[in-house]
Amino acid sequence: MQDDRLEDVEMKRRTSLHKEEISKDRERTAQIHKRLNGRARSTKERNRNREHRKGAKVKWKSRKREREKERKRERERERERERERERERERERERERERLKSKSEEEANFPYNFHAVIIDGSGKKVKLKPSC
């Protein structure tokens, strides 16, 4: 009978120790989750913070997408500039061809461009060379 009592007392002591340990654990967790002003955060507040973090992530992703779009636009602008430069070079080449063509036509029409044979007053043949 006394053994039963001792066992019962021992069991109660263990239970109370266990309860104390649990309460200490709870206090520690509360301390961990407490804010600087000493009050624990509510579930609502924690959820709001979580949503804020998610929002920040969404904002970051949207900014990332925006940066990618901007890079894509910049590459397209660069390609367009390159195409424009190429067109300008082609126009320049065309102008150069036209200039050379007109120059050769001028030279063809120029009377002293080719060796000409002229008979002077005494009946002697004289070769004229181009003046240029």
C-alpha atoms as a PDB file:
ATOM      1  CA  MET A   1       0.000   0.000   0.000  1.00  0.00           C
ATOM      2  CA  GLN A   2       2.784   2.338   0.835  1.00  0.00           C
ATOM      3  CA  ASP A   3       4.452   1.346  -2.414  1.00  0.00           C
ATOM      4  CA  ASP A   4       1.314   2.415  -4.219  1.00  0.00           C
ATOM      5  CA  ARG A   5       1.394   5.762  -2.451  1.00  0.00           C
ATOM      6  CA  LEU A   6       5.069   6.269  -3.229  1.00  0.00           C
ATOM      7  CA  GLU A   7       4.448   5.331  -6.807  1.00  0.00           C
ATOM      8  CA  ASP A   8       1.498   7.700  -6.952  1.00  0.00           C
ATOM      9  CA  VAL A   9       3.526  10.567  -5.452  1.00  0.00           C
ATOM     10  CA  GLU A  10       6.364   9.832  -7.839  1.00  0.00           C
ATOM     11  CA  MET A  11       3.938   9.844 -10.758  1.00  0.00           C
ATOM     12  CA  LYS A  12       2.468  13.194  -9.665  1.00  0.00           C
ATOM     13  CA  ARG A  13       5.942  14.655  -9.256  1.00  0.00           C
ATOM     14  CA  ARG A  14       6.938  13.499 -12.738  1.00  0.00           C
ATOM     15  CA  THR A  15       3.725  14.876 -14.183  1.00  0.00           C
ATOM     16  CA  SER A  16       4.235  18.241 -12.525  1.00  0.00           C
ATOM     17  CA  LEU A  17       7.853  18.314 -13.706  1.00  0.00           C
ATOM     18  CA  HIS A  18       6.674  17.451 -17.179  1.00  0.00           C
ATOM     19  CA  LYS A  19       4.055  20.211 -17.021  1.00  0.00           C
ATOM     20  CA  GLU A  20       6.693  22.687 -15.845  1.00  0.00           C
ATOM     21  CA  GLU A  21       8.947  21.661 -18.700  1.00  0.00           C
ATOM     22  CA  ILE A  22       6.135  22.126 -21.175  1.00  0.00           C
ATOM     23  CA  SER A  23       5.322  25.565 -19.777  1.00  0.00           C
ATOM     24  CA  LYS A  24       9.027  26.520 -19.928  1.00  0.00           C
ATOM     25  CA  ASP A  25       9.117  25.358 -23.543  1.00  0.00           C
ATOM     26  CA  ARG A  26       6.051  27.454 -24.258  1.00  0.00           C
ATOM     27  CA  GLU A  27       7.666  30.463 -22.613  1.00  0.00           C
ATOM     28  CA  ARG A  28      10.819  29.959 -24.661  1.00  0.00           C
ATOM     29  CA  THR A  29       8.805  29.725 -27.867  1.00  0.00           C
ATOM     30  CA  ALA A  30       6.851  32.810 -26.865  1.00  0.00           C
ATOM     31  CA  GLN A  31      10.137  34.617 -26.204  1.00  0.00           C
ATOM     32  CA  ILE A  32      11.406  33.592 -29.616  1.00  0.00           C
ATOM     33  CA  HIS A  33       8.235  34.812 -31.314  1.00  0.00           C
ATOM     34  CA  LYS A  34       7.862  37.962 -29.260  1.00  0.00           C
ATOM     35  CA  ARG A  35       8.460  41.316 -30.836  1.00  0.00           C
ATOM     36  CA  LEU A  36      10.708  44.000 -29.385  1.00  0.00           C
ATOM     37  CA  ASN A  37       7.811  45.656 -27.575  1.00  0.00           C
ATOM     38  CA  GLY A  38       7.188  42.389 -25.761  1.00  0.00           C
ATOM     39  CA  ARG A  39       3.951  41.210 -27.311  1.00  0.00           C
ATOM     40  CA  ALA A  40       3.648  37.985 -29.249  1.00  0.00           C
ATOM     41  CA  ARG A  41       2.563  38.239 -32.861  1.00  0.00           C
ATOM     42  CA  SER A  42      -0.953  37.214 -33.678  1.00  0.00           C
ATOM     43  CA  THR A  43      -1.714  34.662 -36.356  1.00  0.00           C
ATOM     44  CA  LYS A  44      -3.304  37.424 -38.402  1.00  0.00           C
ATOM     45  CA  GLU A  45      -0.111  39.447 -38.196  1.00  0.00           C
ATOM     46  CA  ARG A  46       2.062  36.477 -39.144  1.00  0.00           C
ATOM     47  CA  ASN A  47      -0.175  35.786 -42.137  1.00  0.00           C
ATOM     48  CA  ARG A  48      -0.036  39.433 -43.172  1.00  0.00           C
ATOM     49  CA  ASN A  49       3.752  39.299 -43.003  1.00  0.00           C
ATOM     50  CA  ARG A  50       3.759  36.129 -45.071  1.00  0.00           C
ATOM     51  CA  GLU A  51       1.527  37.801 -47.660  1.00  0.00           C
ATOM     52  CA  HIS A  52       3.856  40.782 -47.670  1.00  0.00           C
ATOM     53  CA  ARG A  53       6.808  38.497 -48.344  1.00  0.00           C
ATOM     54  CA  LYS A  54       4.856  36.823 -51.133  1.00  0.00           C
ATOM     55  CA  GLY A  55       4.004  40.253 -52.503  1.00  0.00           C
ATOM     56  CA  ALA A  56       7.658  41.218 -52.403  1.00  0.00           C
ATOM     57  CA  LYS A  57       8.493  38.049 -54.295  1.00  0.00           C
ATOM     58  CA  VAL A  58       5.803  38.809 -56.872  1.00  0.00           C
ATOM     59  CA  LYS A  59       7.108  42.366 -57.219  1.00  0.00           C
ATOM     60  CA  TRP A  60      10.643  41.049 -57.654  1.00  0.00           C
ATOM     61  CA  LYS A  61       9.467  38.613 -60.331  1.00  0.00           C
ATOM     62  CA  SER A  62       7.516  41.305 -62.154  1.00  0.00           C
ATOM     63  CA  ARG A  63      10.551  43.612 -62.030  1.00  0.00           C
ATOM     64  CA  LYS A  64      12.644  40.748 -63.388  1.00  0.00           C
ATOM     65  CA  ARG A  65      10.140  40.226 -66.224  1.00  0.00           C
ATOM     66  CA  GLU A  66      10.168  43.967 -66.899  1.00  0.00           C
ATOM     67  CA  ARG A  67      13.984  43.986 -67.060  1.00  0.00           C
ATOM     68  CA  GLU A  68      13.922  41.044 -69.485  1.00  0.00           C
ATOM     69  CA  LYS A  69      11.373  42.847 -71.675  1.00  0.00           C
ATOM     70  CA  GLU A  70      13.534  45.987 -71.608  1.00  0.00           C
ATOM     71  CA  ARG A  71      16.615  43.971 -72.635  1.00  0.00           C
ATOM     72  CA  LYS A  72      14.620  42.414 -75.457  1.00  0.00           C
ATOM     73  CA  ARG A  73      13.454  45.866 -76.631  1.00  0.00           C
ATOM     74  CA  GLU A  74      17.039  47.142 -76.446  1.00  0.00           C
ATOM     75  CA  ARG A  75      18.303  44.213 -78.549  1.00  0.00           C
ATOM     76  CA  GLU A  76      15.550  44.900 -81.095  1.00  0.00           C
ATOM     77  CA  ARG A  77      16.499  48.600 -81.207  1.00  0.00           C
ATOM     78  CA  GLU A  78      20.145  47.621 -81.697  1.00  0.00           C
ATOM     79  CA  ARG A  79      19.204  45.290 -84.561  1.00  0.00           C
ATOM     80  CA  GLU A  80      17.137  48.084 -86.133  1.00  0.00           C
ATOM     81  CA  ARG A  81      20.083  50.508 -85.831  1.00  0.00           C
ATOM     82  CA  GLU A  82      22.344  47.916 -87.450  1.00  0.00           C
ATOM     83  CA  ARG A  83      19.861  47.436 -90.304  1.00  0.00           C
ATOM     84  CA  GLU A  84      19.696  51.222 -90.755  1.00  0.00           C
ATOM     85  CA  ARG A  85      23.510  51.446 -90.850  1.00  0.00           C
ATOM     86  CA  GLU A  86      23.571  48.668 -93.448  1.00  0.00           C
ATOM     87  CA  ARG A  87      20.955  50.508 -95.555  1.00  0.00           C
ATOM     88  CA  GLU A  88      23.014  53.696 -95.270  1.00  0.00           C
ATOM     89  CA  ARG A  89      26.156  51.850 -96.392  1.00  0.00           C
ATOM     90  CA  GLU A  90      24.219  50.407 -99.337  1.00  0.00           C
ATOM     91  CA  ARG A  91      22.954  53.896-100.287  1.00  0.00           C
ATOM     92  CA  GLU A  92      26.509  55.200-100.054  1.00  0.00           C
ATOM     93  CA  ARG A  93      27.761  52.402-102.316  1.00  0.00           C
ATOM     94  CA  GLU A  94      24.930  53.162-104.767  1.00  0.00           C
ATOM     95  CA  ARG A  95      25.837  56.877-104.765  1.00  0.00           C
ATOM     96  CA  GLU A  96      29.473  55.938-105.367  1.00  0.00           C
ATOM     97  CA  ARG A  97      28.462  53.706-108.302  1.00  0.00           C
ATOM     98  CA  GLU A  98      26.309  56.503-109.737  1.00  0.00           C
ATOM     99  CA  ARG A  99      29.144  58.982-109.332  1.00  0.00           C
ATOM    100  CA  LEU A 100      31.610  56.667-111.076  1.00  0.00           C
ATOM    101  CA  LYS A 101      29.086  55.952-113.815  1.00  0.00           C
ATOM    102  CA  SER A 102      28.409  59.655-114.439  1.00  0.00           C
ATOM    103  CA  LYS A 103      32.145  60.372-114.291  1.00  0.00           C
ATOM    104  CA  SER A 104      32.875  57.713-116.929  1.00  0.00           C
ATOM    105  CA  GLU A 105      30.054  59.115-119.089  1.00  0.00           C
ATOM    106  CA  GLU A 106      31.559  62.599-118.757  1.00  0.00           C
ATOM    107  CA  GLU A 107      34.948  61.239-119.720  1.00  0.00           C
ATOM    108  CA  ALA A 108      33.424  59.440-122.701  1.00  0.00           C
ATOM    109  CA  ASN A 109      31.905  62.718-123.876  1.00  0.00           C
ATOM    110  CA  PHE A 110      35.060  64.678-123.269  1.00  0.00           C
ATOM    111  CA  PRO A 111      36.644  65.297-126.713  1.00  0.00           C
ATOM    112  CA  TYR A 112      40.275  65.111-125.667  1.00  0.00           C
ATOM    113  CA  ASN A 113      39.908  61.997-123.615  1.00  0.00           C
ATOM    114  CA  PHE A 114      40.941  59.648-126.397  1.00  0.00           C
ATOM    115  CA  HIS A 115      43.918  59.896-128.727  1.00  0.00           C
ATOM    116  CA  ALA A 116      42.584  61.909-131.600  1.00  0.00           C
ATOM    117  CA  VAL A 117      44.154  62.299-134.974  1.00  0.00           C
ATOM    118  CA  ILE A 118      43.829  65.757-136.422  1.00  0.00           C
ATOM    119  CA  ILE A 119      45.182  66.926-139.678  1.00  0.00           C
ATOM    120  CA  ASP A 120      46.620  70.386-139.391  1.00  0.00           C
ATOM    121  CA  GLY A 121      46.758  72.969-142.168  1.00  0.00           C
ATOM    122  CA  SER A 122      49.970  71.570-143.728  1.00  0.00           C
ATOM    123  CA  GLY A 123      48.366  68.124-144.107  1.00  0.00           C
ATOM    124  CA  LYS A 124      50.431  66.608-141.310  1.00  0.00           C
ATOM    125  CA  LYS A 125      48.755  64.193-138.817  1.00  0.00           C
ATOM    126  CA  VAL A 126      48.986  65.333-135.191  1.00  0.00           C
ATOM    127  CA  LYS A 127      48.055  63.117-132.225  1.00  0.00           C
ATOM    128  CA  LEU A 128      46.401  64.854-129.311  1.00  0.00           C
ATOM    129  CA  LYS A 129      46.696  63.301-125.866  1.00  0.00           C
ATOM    130  CA  PRO A 130      44.166  63.715-123.121  1.00  0.00           C
ATOM    131  CA  SER A 131      44.504  66.973-121.282  1.00  0.00           C
ATOM    132  CA  CYS A 132      43.952  65.402-117.903  1.00  0.00           C
END
